[in-house]
Protein backbone atom coordinates (compact mmCIF):
# COMPACT_ATOMS: atom_id res chain seq x y z
CA MET A 1 23.15 23.24 -14.86
CA ARG A 2 20.74 25.71 -13.28
CA LEU A 3 17.28 24.37 -12.49
CA VAL A 4 14.15 26.25 -11.48
CA SER A 5 11.44 23.97 -10.12
CA LEU A 6 7.87 25.21 -10.41
CA LEU A 7 6.36 22.15 -8.75
CA PRO A 8 7.06 20.84 -5.22
CA ALA A 9 7.11 17.25 -6.50
CA ALA A 10 9.76 18.17 -9.06
CA THR A 11 11.82 19.78 -6.32
CA GLU A 12 11.67 16.53 -4.35
CA ILE A 13 12.66 14.51 -7.42
CA VAL A 14 15.72 16.69 -8.00
CA ALA A 15 16.68 16.43 -4.34
CA LEU A 16 16.35 12.65 -4.22
CA LEU A 17 18.45 12.41 -7.37
CA GLY A 18 21.18 14.15 -5.37
CA ALA A 19 21.19 17.40 -7.34
CA THR A 20 20.03 20.12 -4.92
CA ASP A 21 23.17 22.10 -5.80
CA SER A 22 21.64 22.63 -9.24
CA LEU A 23 18.38 24.04 -7.82
CA VAL A 24 18.48 27.83 -7.95
CA GLY A 25 14.75 28.59 -7.68
CA VAL A 26 11.68 26.88 -6.22
CA THR A 27 8.02 27.60 -5.52
CA HIS A 28 6.58 29.27 -2.44
CA GLU A 29 5.23 25.80 -1.46
CA CYS A 30 8.46 23.80 -1.70
CA ASP A 31 9.30 22.60 1.81
CA TYR A 32 11.09 19.27 1.38
CA PRO A 33 13.89 18.52 1.95
CA GLU A 34 14.97 21.27 4.33
CA VAL A 35 17.88 22.34 2.15
CA VAL A 36 15.48 23.90 -0.39
CA GLY A 37 14.55 26.50 2.21
CA SER A 38 17.60 28.50 1.14
CA ARG A 39 16.58 28.67 -2.53
CA ALA A 40 14.98 31.68 -4.21
CA ARG A 41 11.16 31.64 -4.17
CA VAL A 42 9.83 32.41 -7.63
CA THR A 43 6.05 31.94 -7.29
CA ARG A 44 3.25 33.28 -5.13
CA SER A 45 -0.36 32.32 -4.57
CA ALA A 46 -3.44 34.44 -5.27
CA LEU A 47 -5.53 32.38 -2.85
CA PRO A 48 -6.45 33.53 0.67
CA ASP A 49 -4.09 32.62 3.50
CA THR A 50 -6.49 30.30 5.31
CA HIS A 51 -7.18 26.64 5.92
CA ASP A 52 -10.95 27.15 5.61
CA PRO A 53 -11.80 24.68 2.80
CA ALA A 54 -15.01 26.47 1.80
CA ALA A 55 -13.25 29.84 1.55
CA ILE A 56 -10.46 28.34 -0.55
CA ASP A 57 -12.95 26.59 -2.83
CA ASP A 58 -14.90 29.84 -3.31
CA ALA A 59 -11.71 31.74 -4.17
CA VAL A 60 -10.60 29.08 -6.66
CA ARG A 61 -13.97 29.07 -8.42
CA ALA A 62 -14.10 32.86 -8.57
CA ARG A 63 -10.68 33.17 -10.19
CA GLN A 64 -11.38 30.33 -12.62
CA THR A 65 -14.64 31.98 -13.65
CA GLU A 66 -12.71 35.16 -14.44
CA GLY A 67 -9.99 33.21 -16.28
CA LEU A 68 -7.34 34.25 -13.76
CA ALA A 69 -4.39 32.13 -12.69
CA LEU A 70 -4.18 30.90 -9.13
CA PHE A 71 -0.40 31.29 -9.01
CA ALA A 72 1.92 33.99 -10.29
CA LEU A 73 5.48 33.69 -11.54
CA ASP A 74 8.13 36.19 -10.42
CA GLU A 75 9.50 36.77 -13.89
CA ALA A 76 12.16 39.26 -12.84
CA ARG A 77 13.61 36.88 -10.28
CA ILE A 78 13.51 33.93 -12.66
CA ARG A 79 15.24 36.00 -15.33
CA ALA A 80 17.97 36.95 -12.85
CA LEU A 81 18.54 33.28 -11.99
CA HIS A 82 19.46 32.47 -15.64
CA PRO A 83 17.87 29.00 -15.60
CA ASP A 84 18.87 26.31 -18.06
CA VAL A 85 15.80 24.21 -17.21
CA LEU A 86 12.29 24.99 -15.96
CA LEU A 87 10.44 22.08 -14.37
CA THR A 88 6.65 22.36 -14.53
CA GLN A 89 3.47 20.26 -14.72
CA ALA A 90 0.39 19.75 -16.88
CA LEU A 91 -1.78 17.94 -14.36
CA CYS A 92 -3.68 20.45 -12.23
CA ASP A 93 -3.98 24.23 -12.58
CA VAL A 94 -5.36 24.39 -9.03
CA CYS A 95 -2.24 22.85 -7.49
CA ALA A 96 0.59 24.58 -9.32
CA VAL A 97 1.55 27.15 -11.95
CA ARG A 98 -0.08 26.58 -15.33
CA GLU A 99 2.15 24.96 -17.93
CA SER A 100 1.04 27.52 -20.53
CA ASP A 101 2.25 30.36 -18.29
CA VAL A 102 5.63 28.67 -17.86
CA ARG A 103 6.11 28.12 -21.57
CA ALA A 104 5.14 31.72 -22.32
CA LEU A 105 7.69 32.95 -19.79
CA ALA A 106 10.40 30.64 -21.15
CA ALA A 107 9.88 32.07 -24.63
CA ARG A 108 10.63 35.55 -23.28
CA LEU A 109 13.96 34.54 -21.71
CA SER A 110 17.31 34.57 -23.48
CA PRO A 111 18.64 32.03 -23.90
CA VAL A 112 15.40 30.09 -23.89
CA PRO A 113 15.53 27.42 -21.14
CA THR A 114 14.43 23.84 -21.66
CA VAL A 115 10.95 23.20 -20.25
CA VAL A 116 10.34 19.76 -18.75
CA THR A 117 6.66 19.01 -18.12
CA LEU A 118 5.60 16.36 -15.62
CA GLY A 119 2.16 14.80 -15.76
CA GLY A 120 2.10 11.36 -14.18
CA THR A 121 -1.33 10.24 -12.97
CA SER A 122 -0.26 6.81 -11.68
CA LEU A 123 2.73 5.26 -9.95
CA ASP A 124 4.21 4.26 -13.31
CA GLY A 125 3.59 7.79 -14.59
CA ILE A 126 5.39 9.24 -11.58
CA TYR A 127 8.30 6.87 -12.19
CA ASP A 128 8.39 8.09 -15.81
CA ASP A 129 8.50 11.69 -14.55
CA ILE A 130 11.50 10.82 -12.38
CA ARG A 131 13.26 9.46 -15.47
CA ALA A 132 12.34 12.59 -17.46
CA VAL A 133 13.93 14.84 -14.86
CA ALA A 134 16.96 12.57 -14.63
CA GLU A 135 17.40 12.61 -18.40
CA VAL A 136 17.60 16.39 -18.65
CA MET A 137 20.00 16.37 -15.68
CA GLN A 138 22.06 13.51 -17.14
CA ALA A 139 21.46 11.58 -13.92
CA GLN A 140 20.15 8.30 -15.33
CA ASP A 141 22.26 6.16 -13.00
CA GLU A 142 20.91 8.00 -9.97
CA ALA A 143 17.37 7.53 -11.28
CA ASP A 144 17.93 3.80 -11.72
CA GLU A 145 19.07 3.54 -8.10
CA LEU A 146 16.20 5.66 -6.78
CA LEU A 147 13.57 3.75 -8.73
CA ALA A 148 14.98 0.37 -7.73
CA GLY A 149 14.64 1.40 -4.10
CA LEU A 150 11.07 2.59 -4.58
CA HIS A 151 10.07 -0.64 -6.33
CA ASP A 152 11.67 -2.71 -3.55
CA ARG A 153 9.74 -0.84 -0.86
CA VAL A 154 6.40 -1.31 -2.63
CA ARG A 155 7.23 -4.98 -3.17
CA HIS A 156 8.01 -5.41 0.54
CA VAL A 157 4.58 -4.06 1.49
CA HIS A 158 2.92 -6.39 -1.01
CA GLU A 159 4.81 -9.46 0.14
CA THR A 160 4.13 -8.71 3.81
CA LEU A 161 0.39 -8.39 3.18
CA LYS A 162 0.30 -11.47 0.95
CA ALA A 163 2.16 -13.65 3.44
CA ALA A 164 -0.25 -12.68 6.21
CA ARG A 165 -3.33 -12.96 4.02
CA ALA A 166 -4.19 -9.59 5.46
CA PRO A 167 -7.79 -8.33 5.41
CA ARG A 168 -8.49 -5.56 2.92
CA PRO A 169 -10.59 -2.75 4.46
CA ARG A 170 -12.79 -0.46 2.39
CA VAL A 171 -11.16 2.98 2.37
CA ALA A 172 -12.25 6.53 1.59
CA LEU A 173 -9.40 9.00 1.09
CA ILE A 174 -10.88 12.49 1.47
CA GLU A 175 -8.97 15.05 -0.60
CA TRP A 176 -11.27 17.98 0.19
CA THR A 177 -14.14 18.56 2.58
CA ALA A 178 -16.14 21.54 1.30
CA PRO A 179 -17.27 20.24 -1.12
CA VAL A 180 -16.25 16.65 -0.43
CA TYR A 181 -13.80 15.19 -2.93
CA LEU A 182 -12.43 11.66 -3.05
CA ALA A 183 -8.77 11.49 -4.05
CA GLY A 184 -7.99 10.40 -7.60
CA HIS A 185 -4.99 9.94 -9.88
CA TRP A 186 -2.40 7.78 -8.06
CA ALA A 187 -4.27 7.74 -4.70
CA PRO A 188 -6.52 4.73 -5.47
CA GLU A 189 -3.39 2.82 -6.47
CA GLN A 190 -1.71 3.85 -3.23
CA ILE A 191 -4.69 2.46 -1.33
CA ARG A 192 -4.67 -0.81 -3.28
CA ARG A 193 -0.93 -1.37 -2.91
CA ALA A 194 -1.21 -0.58 0.81
CA GLY A 195 -3.76 -3.36 1.24
CA GLY A 196 -7.03 -1.46 1.07
CA ILE A 197 -10.00 -1.28 -1.28
CA ASP A 198 -10.73 2.22 -2.53
CA VAL A 199 -14.46 2.90 -2.41
CA ARG A 200 -14.31 4.68 -5.78
CA GLU A 201 -12.17 2.04 -7.54
CA ASP A 202 -11.23 4.39 -10.37
CA ARG A 203 -7.48 4.61 -10.84
CA GLY A 204 -5.84 7.36 -12.88
CA SER A 205 -8.76 9.78 -13.18
CA HIS A 206 -9.13 13.18 -11.54
CA SER A 207 -10.35 13.61 -8.00
CA VAL A 208 -14.13 13.88 -8.02
CA PRO A 209 -16.77 15.54 -5.82
CA ILE A 210 -19.09 13.08 -4.14
CA PRO A 211 -22.46 13.62 -2.42
CA MET A 212 -22.32 12.85 1.28
CA ASP A 213 -25.07 10.25 0.96
CA THR A 214 -23.09 8.43 -1.74
CA LEU A 215 -19.97 8.45 0.41
CA ARG A 216 -21.87 7.13 3.42
CA ASP A 217 -23.55 4.42 1.35
CA ALA A 218 -20.16 3.30 0.01
CA ASN A 219 -19.61 2.06 3.58
CA PRO A 220 -15.89 2.74 4.10
CA GLU A 221 -14.38 1.04 7.12
CA VAL A 222 -11.44 3.46 7.18
CA VAL A 223 -11.76 7.16 6.38
CA VAL A 224 -8.56 9.14 5.85
CA PHE A 225 -8.71 12.93 5.84
CA ALA A 226 -5.91 14.20 3.62
CA PRO A 227 -6.99 17.57 2.19
CA CYS A 228 -4.81 18.72 -0.70
CA GLY A 229 -1.95 20.85 0.56
CA TYR A 230 -2.58 20.16 4.26
CA GLY A 231 0.03 18.82 6.65
CA VAL A 232 -0.88 16.30 9.31
CA GLN A 233 -1.81 18.87 11.97
CA THR A 234 -4.10 20.95 9.75
CA ALA A 235 -5.61 17.74 8.36
CA ALA A 236 -6.29 16.60 11.93
CA ASP A 237 -7.88 19.94 12.80
CA GLU A 238 -10.16 19.66 9.76
CA ALA A 239 -11.08 16.05 10.55
CA ARG A 240 -12.02 16.98 14.11
CA ARG A 241 -14.09 19.90 12.84
CA CYS A 242 -15.97 17.61 10.46
CA LEU A 243 -16.67 15.13 13.25
CA THR A 244 -18.64 17.83 15.09
CA MET A 245 -20.97 18.34 12.11
CA PRO A 246 -24.29 16.44 11.76
CA GLU A 247 -23.63 15.48 8.12
CA TRP A 248 -20.54 13.53 9.20
CA ALA A 249 -22.30 11.71 12.06
CA TRP A 250 -22.19 8.45 10.06
CA LEU A 251 -18.45 8.25 10.80
CA ALA A 252 -19.26 7.03 14.32
CA GLY A 253 -17.72 3.61 14.93
CA ARG A 254 -15.36 3.79 11.94
CA ALA A 255 -11.60 4.24 11.94
CA VAL A 256 -10.86 7.90 11.15
CA TRP A 257 -7.35 9.15 10.46
CA ALA A 258 -5.70 12.40 9.40
CA MET A 259 -2.69 12.17 7.07
CA ASP A 260 0.05 14.47 5.83
CA ALA A 261 -1.38 14.98 2.36
CA ASN A 262 1.28 17.52 1.47
CA GLY A 263 4.03 14.95 1.82
CA LEU A 264 2.39 11.59 1.21
CA THR A 265 -0.65 11.70 -1.07
CA THR A 266 -1.00 14.85 -3.18
CA ARG A 267 2.52 15.39 -4.56
CA PRO A 268 3.36 13.17 -7.56
CA GLY A 269 6.92 12.49 -6.54
CA PRO A 270 8.99 9.80 -4.80
CA ARG A 271 7.22 10.19 -1.47
CA VAL A 272 4.05 8.59 -2.81
CA VAL A 273 5.81 5.39 -1.76
CA ASP A 274 6.10 6.79 1.77
CA GLY A 275 2.35 7.26 1.47
CA ILE A 276 1.84 3.60 0.56
CA GLU A 277 3.88 2.52 3.56
CA ALA A 278 1.96 4.87 5.86
CA LEU A 279 -1.42 3.67 4.61
CA ALA A 280 -0.35 0.05 5.06
CA ARG A 281 0.38 0.84 8.71
CA LEU A 282 -3.13 2.26 9.10
CA PHE A 283 -4.88 -0.69 7.46
CA ASN A 284 -2.90 -3.53 9.09
CA PRO A 285 -0.95 -2.09 12.02
CA SER A 286 0.04 -5.49 13.43
CA LEU A 287 2.11 -6.26 10.32
CA PHE A 288 4.25 -3.11 10.25
CA SER A 289 6.09 -0.77 12.58
CA PRO A 290 4.03 1.94 14.32
CA ILE A 291 2.90 4.90 12.24
CA ASP A 292 5.08 8.01 12.49
CA PRO A 293 2.88 10.77 14.01
CA ARG A 294 4.39 13.18 11.50
CA HIS A 295 2.69 11.10 8.80
CA ALA A 296 -0.73 10.32 10.28
CA VAL A 297 -2.71 10.47 13.53
CA ARG A 298 -5.80 8.56 14.66
CA ILE A 299 -8.83 10.82 15.15
CA ALA A 300 -11.52 8.27 16.03
């Protein structure tokens, strides 16, 4: 079977199901595990090559206003790879190739590949997506093993917190900074399962912009900067930049962290459980092993 993954989370699912040999093409953003670095890149971004959140937001809005896609498919390369399956998503046109573009391309190929669309907005939804990928790969046994391990890890965090009667801090998970967005979809559930209280308390819905005054008045005790698509170092750079700005002065005296959003919070794949474990270490560090600096760093 020849798989082309058009979503980094799908690439990670295939890899953790033990089927990287079947992956023949991946996106320009796929970076985990390392073995996928040798696969053909079949997408490219139309966004500027910058980590300036305001510039990225402006570019996204401009292209959306004109009805233009944010990502392009390399149709010639995909055609040459002769895929049996295209893995795509129907969750966010800002984060990955549009499902409609993938289905249109599939219809032009011969033979027409199977299109598997992922769209989980919660932990259970992500688990369902893992099963959907496993089904098309005929890897149900591998999925059962992977999911059992993920459930056990989440259960361990829960039981550790419960046994200690751990305090539950109020948490703001910042998914973008210009404008400010609070993380949605599975992120509030990650916070809850890690022992925190999400200040928005709205599981499953999209990330939402929030006025700075509203965020300040929500009184988070822990603020985690995890801008969509940023690794831990770029997230830390952005957090430090924000801390120099007057509108963020209210963060003084609060716990401020930067997290690897790219790996732990914004990709709807198996590593959302790594994100739960990392957040638990931030909220109640005395109950767990020290945080891996590749996952998160303390800013203030």
